[in-house]
Amino acid sequence: MGDFAAGKYALGICDRSGLTHKLKDLVPQVKDGKDTGLKVSRSMLDPDQPQLWLGRFSVKDPQAVRGPRPETGLTEQRDTTWNWSPVGDRNTLGIQYGFSTQESTQATGEVGSVTVTTT
């Protein structure tokens, strides 16, 4: 096979835009890790997407920990005073879910009079 010319003055056409560039400035377009055969300028180059490489490499993502040491004192950490009480004082949610509620939160309201006239 023969030698190729250096081509330092050679021109090439971008396969995407159709504009003329120096041949050495055109780069191959890669998709899914494979050369598509297109030569494009750097301004028109679409970078290869990493999402297309999913499944090609084994990924180990274990969830369990060997010999765990759970925190101590969780009761004290979870004993939070919440500043809401949906039904007023003496809320039973503290017993049910393991936290305390404020005793001073009360719901108050008034009802006025309503006149209904039917004809």
N, C-alpha and C. Protein backbone atom coordinates (compact mmCIF):
# COMPACT_ATOMS: atom_id res chain seq x y z
N MET A 1 0.84 -1.16 0.00
CA MET A 1 0.00 0.00 0.00
C MET A 1 0.89 1.23 0.00
N GLY A 2 0.49 2.24 -0.72
CA GLY A 2 1.31 3.43 -0.88
C GLY A 2 1.21 4.37 0.31
N ASP A 3 2.07 5.32 0.32
CA ASP A 3 2.05 6.34 1.37
C ASP A 3 1.02 7.40 1.04
N PHE A 4 0.55 8.05 2.06
CA PHE A 4 -0.40 9.13 1.89
C PHE A 4 0.33 10.46 1.99
N ALA A 5 -0.20 11.48 1.35
CA ALA A 5 0.35 12.82 1.44
C ALA A 5 0.09 13.39 2.83
N ALA A 6 0.90 14.32 3.25
CA ALA A 6 0.76 14.93 4.57
C ALA A 6 -0.58 15.65 4.70
N GLY A 7 -1.01 16.33 3.68
CA GLY A 7 -2.31 16.97 3.67
C GLY A 7 -2.45 18.14 4.61
N LYS A 8 -1.36 18.86 4.85
CA LYS A 8 -1.49 19.95 5.81
C LYS A 8 -2.27 21.12 5.24
N TYR A 9 -2.43 21.18 3.93
CA TYR A 9 -3.24 22.23 3.32
C TYR A 9 -4.57 21.67 2.77
N ALA A 10 -4.85 20.41 3.02
CA ALA A 10 -6.04 19.77 2.46
C ALA A 10 -7.30 20.29 3.13
N LEU A 11 -8.35 20.38 2.35
CA LEU A 11 -9.65 20.83 2.86
C LEU A 11 -10.61 19.66 2.86
N GLY A 12 -11.56 19.72 3.76
CA GLY A 12 -12.59 18.69 3.84
C GLY A 12 -13.93 19.36 4.11
N ILE A 13 -14.99 18.66 3.81
CA ILE A 13 -16.34 19.19 4.01
C ILE A 13 -16.97 18.48 5.20
N CYS A 14 -17.51 19.27 6.11
CA CYS A 14 -18.19 18.72 7.29
C CYS A 14 -19.44 18.00 6.82
N ASP A 15 -19.61 16.74 7.23
CA ASP A 15 -20.76 15.95 6.80
C ASP A 15 -22.07 16.43 7.43
N ARG A 16 -22.01 17.20 8.46
CA ARG A 16 -23.23 17.68 9.10
C ARG A 16 -23.64 19.05 8.58
N SER A 17 -22.71 20.00 8.50
CA SER A 17 -23.08 21.35 8.09
C SER A 17 -22.83 21.64 6.62
N GLY A 18 -21.93 20.88 5.99
CA GLY A 18 -21.61 21.13 4.59
C GLY A 18 -20.60 22.24 4.40
N LEU A 19 -20.04 22.77 5.47
CA LEU A 19 -19.06 23.84 5.39
C LEU A 19 -17.67 23.25 5.20
N THR A 20 -16.79 24.05 4.60
CA THR A 20 -15.42 23.61 4.33
C THR A 20 -14.53 23.95 5.52
N HIS A 21 -13.73 22.99 5.93
CA HIS A 21 -12.79 23.14 7.05
C HIS A 21 -11.48 22.50 6.63
N LYS A 22 -10.44 22.74 7.40
CA LYS A 22 -9.20 22.00 7.18
C LYS A 22 -9.47 20.54 7.51
N LEU A 23 -8.94 19.65 6.72
CA LEU A 23 -9.20 18.23 6.90
C LEU A 23 -8.72 17.73 8.26
N LYS A 24 -7.62 18.30 8.75
CA LYS A 24 -7.11 17.86 10.05
C LYS A 24 -7.99 18.31 11.21
N ASP A 25 -8.90 19.30 10.97
CA ASP A 25 -9.80 19.79 12.02
C ASP A 25 -11.11 19.01 12.09
N LEU A 26 -11.37 18.14 11.13
CA LEU A 26 -12.58 17.33 11.16
C LEU A 26 -12.34 16.09 12.02
N VAL A 27 -13.31 15.78 12.85
CA VAL A 27 -13.18 14.64 13.77
C VAL A 27 -14.29 13.64 13.49
N PRO A 28 -14.07 12.37 13.82
CA PRO A 28 -15.12 11.37 13.57
C PRO A 28 -16.27 11.52 14.57
N GLN A 29 -17.48 11.32 14.06
CA GLN A 29 -18.67 11.34 14.92
C GLN A 29 -18.83 9.94 15.52
N VAL A 30 -18.93 9.87 16.84
CA VAL A 30 -19.04 8.59 17.54
C VAL A 30 -20.42 8.50 18.18
N LYS A 31 -21.08 7.36 18.00
CA LYS A 31 -22.38 7.12 18.64
C LYS A 31 -22.37 5.72 19.21
N ASP A 32 -22.73 5.60 20.45
CA ASP A 32 -22.77 4.31 21.14
C ASP A 32 -21.40 3.64 21.13
N GLY A 33 -20.33 4.46 21.19
CA GLY A 33 -18.97 3.95 21.23
C GLY A 33 -18.43 3.47 19.90
N LYS A 34 -19.19 3.70 18.82
CA LYS A 34 -18.77 3.23 17.50
C LYS A 34 -18.68 4.42 16.55
N ASP A 35 -17.70 4.35 15.67
CA ASP A 35 -17.52 5.39 14.66
C ASP A 35 -18.65 5.27 13.64
N THR A 36 -19.34 6.39 13.37
CA THR A 36 -20.45 6.37 12.42
C THR A 36 -19.98 6.57 10.99
N GLY A 37 -18.72 6.96 10.80
CA GLY A 37 -18.19 7.20 9.46
C GLY A 37 -18.31 8.65 9.05
N LEU A 38 -18.98 9.48 9.84
CA LEU A 38 -19.10 10.90 9.53
C LEU A 38 -17.87 11.64 10.04
N LYS A 39 -17.43 12.63 9.28
CA LYS A 39 -16.38 13.53 9.72
C LYS A 39 -17.03 14.89 9.89
N VAL A 40 -17.00 15.41 11.11
CA VAL A 40 -17.67 16.67 11.41
C VAL A 40 -16.70 17.63 12.08
N SER A 41 -17.03 18.92 12.02
CA SER A 41 -16.21 19.91 12.71
C SER A 41 -16.50 19.83 14.20
N ARG A 42 -15.60 20.37 14.99
CA ARG A 42 -15.78 20.30 16.44
C ARG A 42 -17.00 21.07 16.91
N SER A 43 -17.39 22.10 16.19
CA SER A 43 -18.58 22.86 16.58
C SER A 43 -19.86 22.08 16.31
N MET A 44 -19.82 21.10 15.41
CA MET A 44 -21.00 20.31 15.08
C MET A 44 -20.99 18.93 15.72
N LEU A 45 -19.97 18.64 16.52
CA LEU A 45 -19.82 17.31 17.10
C LEU A 45 -20.83 17.09 18.22
N ASP A 46 -21.54 15.98 18.17
CA ASP A 46 -22.42 15.57 19.26
C ASP A 46 -21.65 14.59 20.12
N PRO A 47 -21.39 14.93 21.38
CA PRO A 47 -20.64 14.00 22.22
C PRO A 47 -21.42 12.70 22.44
N ASP A 48 -20.69 11.62 22.58
CA ASP A 48 -21.32 10.33 22.83
C ASP A 48 -22.02 10.35 24.18
N GLN A 49 -23.22 9.84 24.24
CA GLN A 49 -24.02 9.87 25.46
C GLN A 49 -23.65 8.71 26.39
N PRO A 50 -23.36 8.99 27.66
CA PRO A 50 -23.02 7.91 28.59
C PRO A 50 -24.18 6.94 28.84
N GLN A 51 -25.43 7.41 28.65
CA GLN A 51 -26.57 6.53 28.88
C GLN A 51 -26.59 5.36 27.90
N LEU A 52 -25.98 5.54 26.74
CA LEU A 52 -25.96 4.46 25.75
C LEU A 52 -25.03 3.32 26.16
N TRP A 53 -24.18 3.57 27.14
CA TRP A 53 -23.23 2.56 27.58
C TRP A 53 -23.77 1.71 28.73
N LEU A 54 -25.00 1.95 29.15
CA LEU A 54 -25.57 1.18 30.26
C LEU A 54 -25.68 -0.29 29.89
N GLY A 55 -25.35 -1.15 30.82
CA GLY A 55 -25.43 -2.57 30.61
C GLY A 55 -24.16 -3.19 30.06
N ARG A 56 -23.20 -2.38 29.66
CA ARG A 56 -21.96 -2.93 29.13
C ARG A 56 -20.96 -3.26 30.22
N PHE A 57 -21.11 -2.62 31.37
CA PHE A 57 -20.20 -2.85 32.48
C PHE A 57 -20.99 -3.38 33.66
N SER A 58 -20.43 -4.34 34.36
CA SER A 58 -21.13 -4.86 35.53
C SER A 58 -21.03 -3.84 36.66
N VAL A 59 -22.14 -3.62 37.29
CA VAL A 59 -22.21 -2.66 38.39
C VAL A 59 -22.68 -3.41 39.62
N LYS A 60 -21.89 -3.34 40.67
CA LYS A 60 -22.29 -3.95 41.93
C LYS A 60 -22.62 -2.83 42.90
N ASP A 61 -23.83 -2.83 43.37
CA ASP A 61 -24.28 -1.80 44.29
C ASP A 61 -24.97 -2.47 45.48
N PRO A 62 -24.20 -3.09 46.37
CA PRO A 62 -24.82 -3.79 47.48
C PRO A 62 -25.49 -2.81 48.44
N GLN A 63 -26.59 -3.25 49.03
CA GLN A 63 -27.34 -2.40 49.95
C GLN A 63 -27.09 -2.77 51.41
N ALA A 64 -26.82 -4.02 51.67
CA ALA A 64 -26.62 -4.47 53.04
C ALA A 64 -25.20 -4.18 53.51
N VAL A 65 -25.05 -3.96 54.81
CA VAL A 65 -23.75 -3.69 55.41
C VAL A 65 -23.41 -4.85 56.33
N ARG A 66 -22.18 -5.37 56.23
CA ARG A 66 -21.76 -6.47 57.07
C ARG A 66 -21.45 -5.95 58.47
N GLY A 67 -22.04 -6.55 59.48
CA GLY A 67 -21.78 -6.18 60.86
C GLY A 67 -22.20 -4.76 61.21
N PRO A 68 -23.45 -4.39 60.97
CA PRO A 68 -23.86 -3.02 61.25
C PRO A 68 -23.87 -2.72 62.74
N ARG A 69 -23.69 -1.49 63.09
CA ARG A 69 -23.77 -1.02 64.47
C ARG A 69 -24.82 0.08 64.52
N PRO A 70 -26.06 -0.26 64.88
CA PRO A 70 -27.11 0.76 64.90
C PRO A 70 -26.87 1.79 66.01
N GLU A 71 -27.43 2.95 65.81
CA GLU A 71 -27.30 4.01 66.80
C GLU A 71 -28.01 3.63 68.09
N THR A 72 -27.49 4.15 69.18
CA THR A 72 -28.16 3.97 70.46
C THR A 72 -28.84 5.28 70.83
N GLY A 73 -29.78 5.21 71.72
CA GLY A 73 -30.49 6.41 72.17
C GLY A 73 -31.48 6.94 71.16
N LEU A 74 -32.08 6.04 70.35
CA LEU A 74 -33.03 6.51 69.35
C LEU A 74 -34.29 7.07 69.97
N THR A 75 -34.67 6.56 71.16
CA THR A 75 -35.86 7.07 71.81
C THR A 75 -35.69 8.55 72.13
N GLU A 76 -34.53 8.93 72.64
CA GLU A 76 -34.29 10.34 72.96
C GLU A 76 -34.19 11.18 71.69
N GLN A 77 -33.62 10.62 70.64
CA GLN A 77 -33.51 11.37 69.40
C GLN A 77 -34.87 11.60 68.75
N ARG A 78 -35.74 10.62 68.90
CA ARG A 78 -37.05 10.73 68.25
C ARG A 78 -38.08 11.42 69.13
N ASP A 79 -37.73 11.76 70.34
CA ASP A 79 -38.66 12.44 71.23
C ASP A 79 -38.66 13.93 70.86
N THR A 80 -39.34 14.23 69.78
CA THR A 80 -39.38 15.58 69.26
C THR A 80 -40.68 16.25 69.64
N THR A 81 -40.61 17.49 70.01
CA THR A 81 -41.82 18.25 70.27
C THR A 81 -42.25 18.90 68.97
N TRP A 82 -43.37 18.44 68.47
CA TRP A 82 -43.89 18.98 67.23
C TRP A 82 -44.79 20.16 67.56
N ASN A 83 -44.76 21.18 66.76
CA ASN A 83 -45.57 22.35 67.05
C ASN A 83 -46.87 22.35 66.26
N TRP A 84 -47.39 21.20 66.03
CA TRP A 84 -48.71 21.09 65.43
C TRP A 84 -49.49 20.03 66.17
N SER A 85 -50.75 20.21 66.26
CA SER A 85 -51.63 19.26 66.91
C SER A 85 -52.94 19.30 66.15
N PRO A 86 -53.17 18.37 65.26
CA PRO A 86 -54.30 18.50 64.34
C PRO A 86 -55.66 18.51 65.00
N VAL A 87 -55.80 17.95 66.20
CA VAL A 87 -57.11 17.90 66.83
C VAL A 87 -57.11 18.64 68.16
N GLY A 88 -56.10 19.44 68.43
CA GLY A 88 -56.04 20.15 69.69
C GLY A 88 -55.20 19.38 70.70
N ASP A 89 -55.42 19.65 71.99
CA ASP A 89 -54.64 19.01 73.05
C ASP A 89 -55.02 17.54 73.20
N ARG A 90 -54.21 16.83 73.96
CA ARG A 90 -54.40 15.41 74.25
C ARG A 90 -54.44 14.60 72.95
N ASN A 91 -53.48 14.87 72.11
CA ASN A 91 -53.38 14.20 70.82
C ASN A 91 -52.85 12.78 71.03
N THR A 92 -53.46 11.80 70.40
CA THR A 92 -53.04 10.41 70.56
C THR A 92 -51.97 10.01 69.54
N LEU A 93 -51.58 10.92 68.65
CA LEU A 93 -50.56 10.56 67.66
C LEU A 93 -49.21 10.31 68.31
N GLY A 94 -48.93 10.98 69.44
CA GLY A 94 -47.67 10.77 70.12
C GLY A 94 -47.50 9.34 70.58
N ILE A 95 -48.56 8.75 71.08
CA ILE A 95 -48.51 7.36 71.53
C ILE A 95 -48.40 6.42 70.33
N GLN A 96 -49.16 6.74 69.29
CA GLN A 96 -49.21 5.86 68.13
C GLN A 96 -47.89 5.85 67.36
N TYR A 97 -47.24 7.03 67.19
CA TYR A 97 -46.04 7.12 66.37
C TYR A 97 -44.76 7.34 67.15
N GLY A 98 -44.82 7.49 68.45
CA GLY A 98 -43.63 7.57 69.26
C GLY A 98 -43.01 8.94 69.39
N PHE A 99 -43.78 10.01 69.25
CA PHE A 99 -43.25 11.34 69.49
C PHE A 99 -44.27 12.12 70.32
N SER A 100 -43.80 13.18 70.92
CA SER A 100 -44.70 13.96 71.76
C SER A 100 -45.17 15.20 71.02
N THR A 101 -46.34 15.67 71.39
CA THR A 101 -46.88 16.88 70.80
C THR A 101 -47.01 17.93 71.90
N GLN A 102 -47.09 19.17 71.50
CA GLN A 102 -47.24 20.23 72.49
C GLN A 102 -48.62 20.16 73.11
N GLU A 103 -48.66 20.40 74.40
CA GLU A 103 -49.94 20.39 75.11
C GLU A 103 -50.64 21.74 75.03
N SER A 104 -49.93 22.77 74.58
CA SER A 104 -50.51 24.11 74.62
C SER A 104 -51.24 24.49 73.34
N THR A 105 -51.18 23.65 72.32
CA THR A 105 -51.84 23.99 71.08
C THR A 105 -53.30 23.60 71.17
N GLN A 106 -54.18 24.55 71.03
CA GLN A 106 -55.60 24.29 71.07
C GLN A 106 -56.27 24.93 69.87
N ALA A 107 -57.28 24.25 69.37
CA ALA A 107 -58.06 24.82 68.29
C ALA A 107 -59.28 25.49 68.90
N THR A 108 -59.49 26.73 68.54
CA THR A 108 -60.67 27.47 69.05
C THR A 108 -61.43 27.99 67.86
N GLY A 109 -62.71 28.17 68.04
CA GLY A 109 -63.53 28.70 66.99
C GLY A 109 -64.87 29.15 67.52
N GLU A 110 -65.58 29.91 66.72
CA GLU A 110 -66.90 30.39 67.10
C GLU A 110 -67.86 30.17 65.95
N VAL A 111 -69.11 30.02 66.31
CA VAL A 111 -70.14 29.85 65.30
C VAL A 111 -71.14 30.98 65.49
N GLY A 112 -71.41 31.67 64.42
CA GLY A 112 -72.39 32.76 64.46
C GLY A 112 -73.78 32.21 64.16
N SER A 113 -74.69 33.09 63.89
CA SER A 113 -76.05 32.66 63.59
C SER A 113 -76.28 32.75 62.09
N VAL A 114 -77.07 31.82 61.58
CA VAL A 114 -77.38 31.76 60.18
C VAL A 114 -78.89 31.82 60.04
N THR A 115 -79.37 32.67 59.18
CA THR A 115 -80.82 32.79 58.92
C THR A 115 -81.09 32.24 57.54
N VAL A 116 -82.03 31.28 57.48
CA VAL A 116 -82.40 30.68 56.21
C VAL A 116 -83.85 31.04 55.94
N THR A 117 -84.10 31.60 54.79
CA THR A 117 -85.46 31.97 54.41
C THR A 117 -85.83 31.21 53.14
N THR A 118 -86.92 30.48 53.20
CA THR A 118 -87.38 29.75 52.02
C THR A 118 -88.71 30.32 51.59
N THR A 119 -88.94 30.38 50.31
CA THR A 119 -90.21 30.88 49.81
C THR A 119 -90.85 29.92 48.87
